[in-house]
Protein backbone atom coordinates (compact mmCIF):
# COMPACT_ATOMS: atom_id res chain seq x y z
CA MET A 1 -0.28 42.19 51.37
CA ASN A 2 1.80 45.30 50.58
CA THR A 3 0.44 48.85 50.69
CA ALA A 4 0.11 49.15 46.89
CA MET A 5 -1.93 45.96 46.67
CA LYS A 6 -4.15 47.11 49.55
CA ASN A 7 -4.81 50.42 47.77
CA ILE A 8 -5.71 48.59 44.52
CA THR A 9 -8.03 46.24 46.39
CA LEU A 10 -9.73 49.15 48.16
CA SER A 11 -10.10 51.06 44.90
CA LEU A 12 -11.72 48.08 43.17
CA ALA A 13 -14.06 47.59 46.10
CA THR A 14 -15.03 51.26 45.97
CA ILE A 15 -15.69 51.04 42.24
CA LEU A 16 -17.90 47.98 42.74
CA VAL A 17 -19.88 49.67 45.50
CA VAL A 18 -20.35 52.84 43.47
CA SER A 19 -21.31 50.84 40.35
CA ALA A 20 -23.82 48.77 42.30
CA ALA A 21 -25.34 51.93 43.72
CA ALA A 22 -25.54 53.49 40.26
CA ILE A 23 -27.22 50.39 38.82
CA GLY A 24 -29.68 50.35 41.71
CA ALA A 25 -30.49 54.02 41.20
CA ALA A 26 -30.94 53.52 37.46
CA SER A 27 -33.36 50.66 37.99
CA ALA A 28 -35.16 52.18 40.98
CA GLU A 29 -38.89 51.64 40.83
CA GLU A 30 -40.94 54.83 40.49
CA THR A 31 -44.52 55.18 41.64
CA ILE A 32 -47.20 56.62 39.35
CA THR A 33 -50.44 57.74 40.96
CA LEU A 34 -53.14 56.74 38.47
CA GLY A 35 -56.78 57.81 38.54
CA THR A 36 -59.53 55.47 37.29
CA VAL A 37 -63.33 55.57 37.24
CA GLY A 38 -65.11 53.68 40.00
CA SER A 39 -63.83 50.62 41.81
CA GLY A 40 -62.95 48.67 38.67
CA SER A 41 -64.14 48.14 35.13
CA ALA A 42 -63.65 45.55 32.42
CA LEU A 43 -62.56 48.42 30.19
CA ASN A 44 -59.42 48.62 32.34
CA TRP A 45 -58.65 44.96 31.70
CA PRO A 46 -55.13 45.56 30.29
CA LEU A 47 -54.36 47.72 33.33
CA LEU A 48 -55.60 44.98 35.66
CA VAL A 49 -53.57 42.38 33.77
CA ALA A 50 -50.42 44.52 33.90
CA LEU A 51 -50.83 44.89 37.65
CA ASP A 52 -51.59 41.21 38.19
CA LYS A 53 -48.79 39.91 35.94
CA GLY A 54 -46.17 42.37 37.16
CA PHE A 55 -45.61 44.00 33.77
CA PHE A 56 -45.23 47.43 35.34
CA GLU A 57 -42.75 46.24 37.95
CA LYS A 58 -40.68 44.63 35.20
CA ASN A 59 -40.42 48.11 33.69
CA ASN A 60 -39.52 49.77 37.01
CA VAL A 61 -42.93 51.29 37.65
CA LYS A 62 -45.31 50.88 40.56
CA ILE A 63 -48.94 51.96 40.15
CA ASP A 64 -50.92 53.54 42.97
CA LEU A 65 -54.60 53.48 41.92
CA VAL A 66 -56.99 56.23 42.97
CA SER A 67 -60.69 55.98 42.11
CA ALA A 68 -63.03 58.81 41.13
CA PRO A 69 -66.79 58.81 40.47
CA SER A 70 -66.52 59.79 36.80
CA SER A 71 -64.11 60.23 33.92
CA ALA A 72 -64.45 64.01 34.23
CA ALA A 73 -63.49 63.80 37.91
CA VAL A 74 -60.40 61.78 37.02
CA GLN A 75 -59.23 64.49 34.63
CA GLN A 76 -59.85 67.18 37.23
CA GLN A 77 -57.48 65.31 39.52
CA VAL A 78 -54.90 64.98 36.74
CA ALA A 79 -55.12 68.70 35.99
CA ALA A 80 -54.77 69.59 39.67
CA GLY A 81 -51.77 67.31 40.10
CA SER A 82 -53.58 65.17 42.66
CA VAL A 83 -52.78 62.19 40.42
CA ASP A 84 -50.04 61.92 37.81
CA MET A 85 -52.06 60.16 35.16
CA GLY A 86 -55.65 59.16 34.53
CA SER A 87 -57.82 56.98 32.30
CA GLY A 88 -61.30 57.57 30.93
CA GLY A 89 -63.35 58.76 27.99
CA LEU A 90 -61.29 60.96 25.65
CA VAL A 91 -63.83 63.77 25.67
CA ASP A 92 -62.89 64.61 29.26
CA PRO A 93 -59.17 65.34 28.82
CA ILE A 94 -60.09 67.13 25.59
CA ARG A 95 -62.47 69.45 27.43
CA ALA A 96 -59.97 70.01 30.21
CA ILE A 97 -57.20 70.91 27.75
CA ASP A 98 -59.57 73.20 25.85
CA LYS A 99 -60.17 75.07 29.12
CA GLY A 100 -56.44 75.48 29.68
CA ALA A 101 -55.56 72.47 31.83
CA ALA A 102 -51.89 71.46 31.59
CA ILE A 103 -52.55 67.84 30.67
CA SER A 104 -51.97 65.81 27.51
CA ILE A 105 -53.35 62.62 25.99
CA ILE A 106 -50.54 60.05 25.76
CA ARG A 107 -52.20 56.76 24.81
CA ILE A 108 -55.37 55.32 23.34
CA GLU A 109 -56.91 52.69 25.61
CA ALA A 110 -59.97 51.38 23.73
CA LYS A 111 -60.37 51.90 19.99
CA ALA A 112 -64.09 51.12 20.15
CA ALA A 113 -66.80 51.40 22.77
CA PRO A 114 -68.31 48.10 24.00
CA TYR A 115 -71.60 49.67 25.08
CA ALA A 116 -75.15 48.55 24.46
CA LEU A 117 -78.40 50.39 25.11
CA TYR A 118 -80.47 48.26 27.48
CA VAL A 119 -84.05 49.11 28.35
CA LYS A 120 -86.88 47.73 30.46
CA PRO A 121 -88.50 44.58 29.01
CA GLU A 122 -91.74 46.37 28.14
CA ILE A 123 -89.99 48.93 25.90
CA ALA A 124 -90.19 47.55 22.38
CA ASP A 125 -88.04 49.99 20.41
CA TYR A 126 -86.50 53.47 20.28
CA ALA A 127 -89.87 55.09 19.62
CA ALA A 128 -91.13 53.71 22.93
CA LEU A 129 -88.36 55.66 24.70
CA LYS A 130 -90.06 58.99 23.97
CA GLY A 131 -90.77 60.70 27.26
CA LYS A 132 -88.71 58.09 29.11
CA THR A 133 -85.57 58.47 31.24
CA ILE A 134 -82.20 57.22 30.01
CA MET A 135 -78.99 57.14 32.05
CA VAL A 136 -75.57 57.93 30.58
CA GLY A 137 -72.24 58.85 32.10
CA GLY A 138 -72.68 62.61 32.28
CA ALA A 139 -74.11 65.70 30.62
CA LYS A 140 -70.92 66.00 28.54
CA ASP A 141 -69.73 62.41 28.83
CA ILE A 142 -68.72 60.48 25.73
CA THR A 143 -71.60 58.08 26.41
CA ARG A 144 -74.02 60.93 25.65
CA ILE A 145 -72.45 61.33 22.20
CA TYR A 146 -72.84 57.59 21.68
CA LEU A 147 -76.48 57.64 22.74
CA GLU A 148 -77.28 60.49 20.36
CA ARG A 149 -75.45 58.70 17.51
CA MET A 150 -77.58 55.60 18.17
CA ALA A 151 -80.90 57.36 18.76
CA ALA A 152 -80.99 59.77 15.80
CA PRO A 153 -80.99 57.13 13.01
CA ASN A 154 -83.82 55.42 14.85
CA GLY A 155 -86.01 58.53 14.92
CA LEU A 156 -85.31 59.52 18.52
CA ASN A 157 -83.95 63.05 18.82
CA LYS A 158 -82.53 65.14 21.64
CA GLY A 159 -85.40 66.39 23.76
CA ASP A 160 -87.52 63.30 23.11
CA TYR A 161 -86.19 61.73 26.31
CA ASP A 162 -84.88 62.78 29.71
CA LEU A 163 -81.31 62.16 30.80
CA ILE A 164 -79.83 61.46 34.21
CA TYR A 165 -76.24 60.61 34.96
CA ALA A 166 -73.89 58.18 36.67
CA GLY A 167 -70.24 57.90 35.75
CA ALA A 168 -69.74 54.18 36.33
CA THR A 169 -71.38 51.40 34.31
CA SER A 170 -72.10 49.50 37.53
CA ALA A 171 -74.17 52.42 38.81
CA ARG A 172 -76.10 52.69 35.53
CA PHE A 173 -76.88 48.98 35.57
CA ALA A 174 -78.04 49.21 39.19
CA ALA A 175 -80.36 52.09 38.29
CA LEU A 176 -81.85 50.14 35.38
CA GLN A 177 -82.22 47.00 37.41
CA SER A 178 -84.00 48.86 40.22
CA GLY A 179 -86.41 50.50 37.78
CA ALA A 180 -85.14 54.01 38.51
CA VAL A 181 -84.49 54.56 34.78
CA ASP A 182 -86.04 53.17 31.61
CA GLY A 183 -82.81 52.70 29.71
CA ALA A 184 -79.05 52.93 30.18
CA LEU A 185 -75.83 52.61 28.21
CA ILE A 186 -74.04 49.63 29.75
CA SER A 187 -70.73 47.96 29.01
CA ALA A 188 -69.56 44.42 29.73
CA PRO A 189 -69.86 42.46 31.91
CA PHE A 190 -72.98 44.25 33.14
CA ASN A 191 -74.65 43.90 29.74
CA PHE A 192 -74.75 40.14 30.27
CA GLN A 193 -76.29 40.65 33.70
CA ALA A 194 -78.88 42.91 32.09
CA GLU A 195 -79.78 40.15 29.64
CA THR A 196 -80.10 37.63 32.46
CA ALA A 197 -82.40 40.07 34.26
CA GLY A 198 -84.65 40.21 31.19
CA MET A 199 -83.66 43.66 29.92
CA LYS A 200 -83.92 44.32 26.19
CA ASN A 201 -80.94 45.25 24.03
CA LEU A 202 -81.73 47.99 21.49
CA GLY A 203 -78.29 47.98 19.89
CA VAL A 204 -74.55 48.16 20.38
CA THR A 205 -72.44 51.28 20.05
CA VAL A 206 -69.97 49.85 17.54
CA ASP A 207 -72.75 49.55 14.96
CA TYR A 208 -73.12 53.33 15.01
CA VAL A 209 -69.72 54.72 15.99
CA LYS A 210 -66.59 53.48 14.22
CA ASP A 211 -64.72 56.61 13.27
CA PHE A 212 -63.03 57.77 16.48
CA PRO A 213 -61.41 56.22 19.57
CA PHE A 214 -63.18 55.75 22.88
CA THR A 215 -60.92 55.94 25.93
CA GLY A 216 -57.33 56.85 26.66
CA TYR A 217 -54.74 57.94 29.18
CA ALA A 218 -53.81 61.53 29.94
CA VAL A 219 -50.91 62.83 31.98
CA ASN A 220 -50.17 65.97 33.98
CA VAL A 221 -47.71 67.87 31.76
CA ASP A 222 -45.72 69.45 34.61
CA TRP A 223 -45.21 66.05 36.23
CA ALA A 224 -44.40 64.42 32.91
CA LYS A 225 -41.46 66.73 32.20
CA ASP A 226 -39.39 65.13 34.96
CA HIS A 227 -40.73 61.58 34.75
CA LYS A 228 -40.28 60.42 31.16
CA PRO A 229 -38.70 57.07 32.15
CA ALA A 230 -41.70 56.32 34.36
CA ILE A 231 -44.10 57.17 31.54
CA GLN A 232 -42.19 54.96 29.12
CA GLY A 233 -42.19 52.18 31.70
CA PHE A 234 -45.94 52.49 32.08
CA LEU A 235 -46.56 52.50 28.33
CA THR A 236 -44.30 49.50 27.75
CA GLY A 237 -45.87 47.50 30.58
CA TYR A 238 -49.35 48.38 29.38
CA SER A 239 -48.59 47.32 25.80
CA GLN A 240 -47.19 44.03 27.08
CA ALA A 241 -50.46 43.47 28.93
CA VAL A 242 -52.54 44.14 25.81
CA THR A 243 -50.47 41.64 23.83
CA TRP A 244 -50.79 39.06 26.62
CA LEU A 245 -54.55 39.64 26.89
CA ALA A 246 -55.04 39.13 23.14
CA ASP A 247 -53.43 35.68 23.20
CA PRO A 248 -56.21 33.03 23.32
CA ALA A 249 -53.87 30.81 25.33
CA ASN A 250 -54.23 33.27 28.20
CA ARG A 251 -58.05 33.41 28.12
CA ASP A 252 -58.69 31.44 31.31
CA GLU A 253 -56.10 33.34 33.31
CA ALA A 254 -57.36 36.66 31.95
CA VAL A 255 -60.91 35.73 32.93
CA ASN A 256 -59.72 34.96 36.44
CA VAL A 257 -58.13 38.42 36.67
CA LEU A 258 -61.49 40.01 35.91
CA ILE A 259 -63.30 37.78 38.38
CA LYS A 260 -60.81 38.62 41.10
CA ASP A 261 -60.39 42.34 40.48
CA ILE A 262 -63.94 43.49 39.75
CA SER A 263 -65.90 40.60 41.25
CA ALA A 264 -67.30 39.61 37.86
CA LYS A 265 -69.30 36.41 37.67
CA PRO A 266 -67.31 33.64 35.94
CA ASP A 267 -69.80 33.21 33.10
CA ASP A 268 -70.03 36.98 32.54
CA ALA A 269 -66.25 37.31 32.56
CA GLN A 270 -65.90 34.60 29.92
CA LYS A 271 -68.53 36.24 27.72
CA THR A 272 -66.82 39.61 28.19
CA TYR A 273 -63.50 38.21 27.01
CA ASP A 274 -65.08 36.82 23.86
CA PHE A 275 -67.08 40.01 23.29
CA PHE A 276 -64.02 42.25 23.59
CA LYS A 277 -62.01 39.89 21.44
CA SER A 278 -64.64 40.09 18.68
CA LEU A 279 -64.50 43.89 18.80
CA ASP A 280 -60.69 44.02 18.88
CA ILE A 281 -60.99 47.08 21.07
CA TYR A 282 -57.45 47.24 22.44
CA ASP A 283 -54.44 48.38 20.42
CA PRO A 284 -51.06 46.95 21.53
CA GLU A 285 -49.29 50.15 20.53
CA GLY A 286 -52.00 52.60 21.57
CA THR A 287 -50.56 55.27 19.30
CA VAL A 288 -52.68 58.39 19.14
CA ASP A 289 -54.09 58.46 15.62
CA LYS A 290 -54.48 62.12 14.75
CA ALA A 291 -57.11 61.38 12.09
CA GLY A 292 -59.34 59.54 14.55
CA LEU A 293 -58.71 62.08 17.29
CA GLY A 294 -59.42 64.85 14.81
CA LYS A 295 -62.79 63.28 13.95
CA LEU A 296 -63.79 63.29 17.61
CA LEU A 297 -62.61 66.89 17.96
CA ASP A 298 -64.64 67.94 14.92
CA ILE A 299 -67.76 66.32 16.41
CA MET A 300 -67.22 68.10 19.71
CA LYS A 301 -66.60 71.38 17.90
CA GLY A 302 -69.81 70.92 15.94
CA LEU A 303 -71.71 70.36 19.18
CA GLY A 304 -70.34 73.61 20.58
CA ASP A 305 -68.32 71.62 23.08
CA LEU A 306 -64.95 73.19 22.22
CA GLU A 307 -64.08 76.86 22.44
CA GLY A 308 -60.63 76.73 20.87
CA SER A 309 -59.03 75.09 17.88
CA ALA A 310 -59.80 71.46 17.00
CA ASP A 311 -56.17 70.89 15.97
CA PRO A 312 -55.14 67.46 17.39
CA ASP A 313 -51.71 68.83 18.31
CA ARG A 314 -53.38 70.87 21.07
CA PHE A 315 -54.41 67.69 22.83
CA TYR A 316 -51.59 65.28 22.07
CA ASN A 317 -48.10 66.53 22.90
CA ALA A 318 -45.69 64.09 21.27
CA THR A 319 -42.68 65.70 22.95
CA ILE A 320 -43.79 64.19 26.26
CA LEU A 321 -43.05 60.74 24.85
CA ALA A 322 -39.84 61.71 23.08
CA LYS A 323 -36.68 60.34 24.63
CA ASP A 324 -34.25 62.96 25.92
């Protein structure tokens, strides 16, 4: 081989090596540290599916889960930069942003809340809860808003009952089951366990609250500025999981994900799938609806829970999701 041919061969080899390196860099998997409430919840089903089915990896994202005792605690970690992103009740990132935290809502998780108010068997109705103790997620948790929305039309007002708090549904169910509280707002699959244990259902949240979204994802704004591809990868993988979860053909496999990841009982997991399906709580796109968000903000403002403006643009920064 002459010198000219050798130089051409070497040049082509160099180009191939550089191109391969560039492709590898472009498709490099990035890790997102994600905060969630407790050790696992059926509400995070699309997240669990995305992890189990590899939807995030297919979009060049790896998720490192970090648990916190409550939704408020998750948002504190997001604001502090201890985690990049977090899920939970929307009231918590809203409050954090109102106080000046550099975070932003980026996606709606659940459009509706699959809670039910379960009480001890001897409690006949809402009136019988006067002077009793009810457990919700926190003093300013979204579950408290739900409880008040359910109680007021049934003649039970604030001050008629005592409140204590636990951020995770599993903890609230345990407190009710042990007799430590008289009632608790519980989501699936623990509501089915409550029924099996003989607890009485006084009503479901969706019958009283239909005008604003329930949970969502928020991101640390400073982190987000330099990690837009990772955010887009997360959102795409998550939406793929919601679409997969909604397909009845995937019911059995989806049920097995819940059994495996949160130790749900098979029968409860099956009932939870059907319950969530009937509520249509997950949105494949998860777009932040400013009208719905605005309704929640107005409610919080009316409760004296917001100091600043209730303009939705304060809490949802669309530029974070805009492609450069």
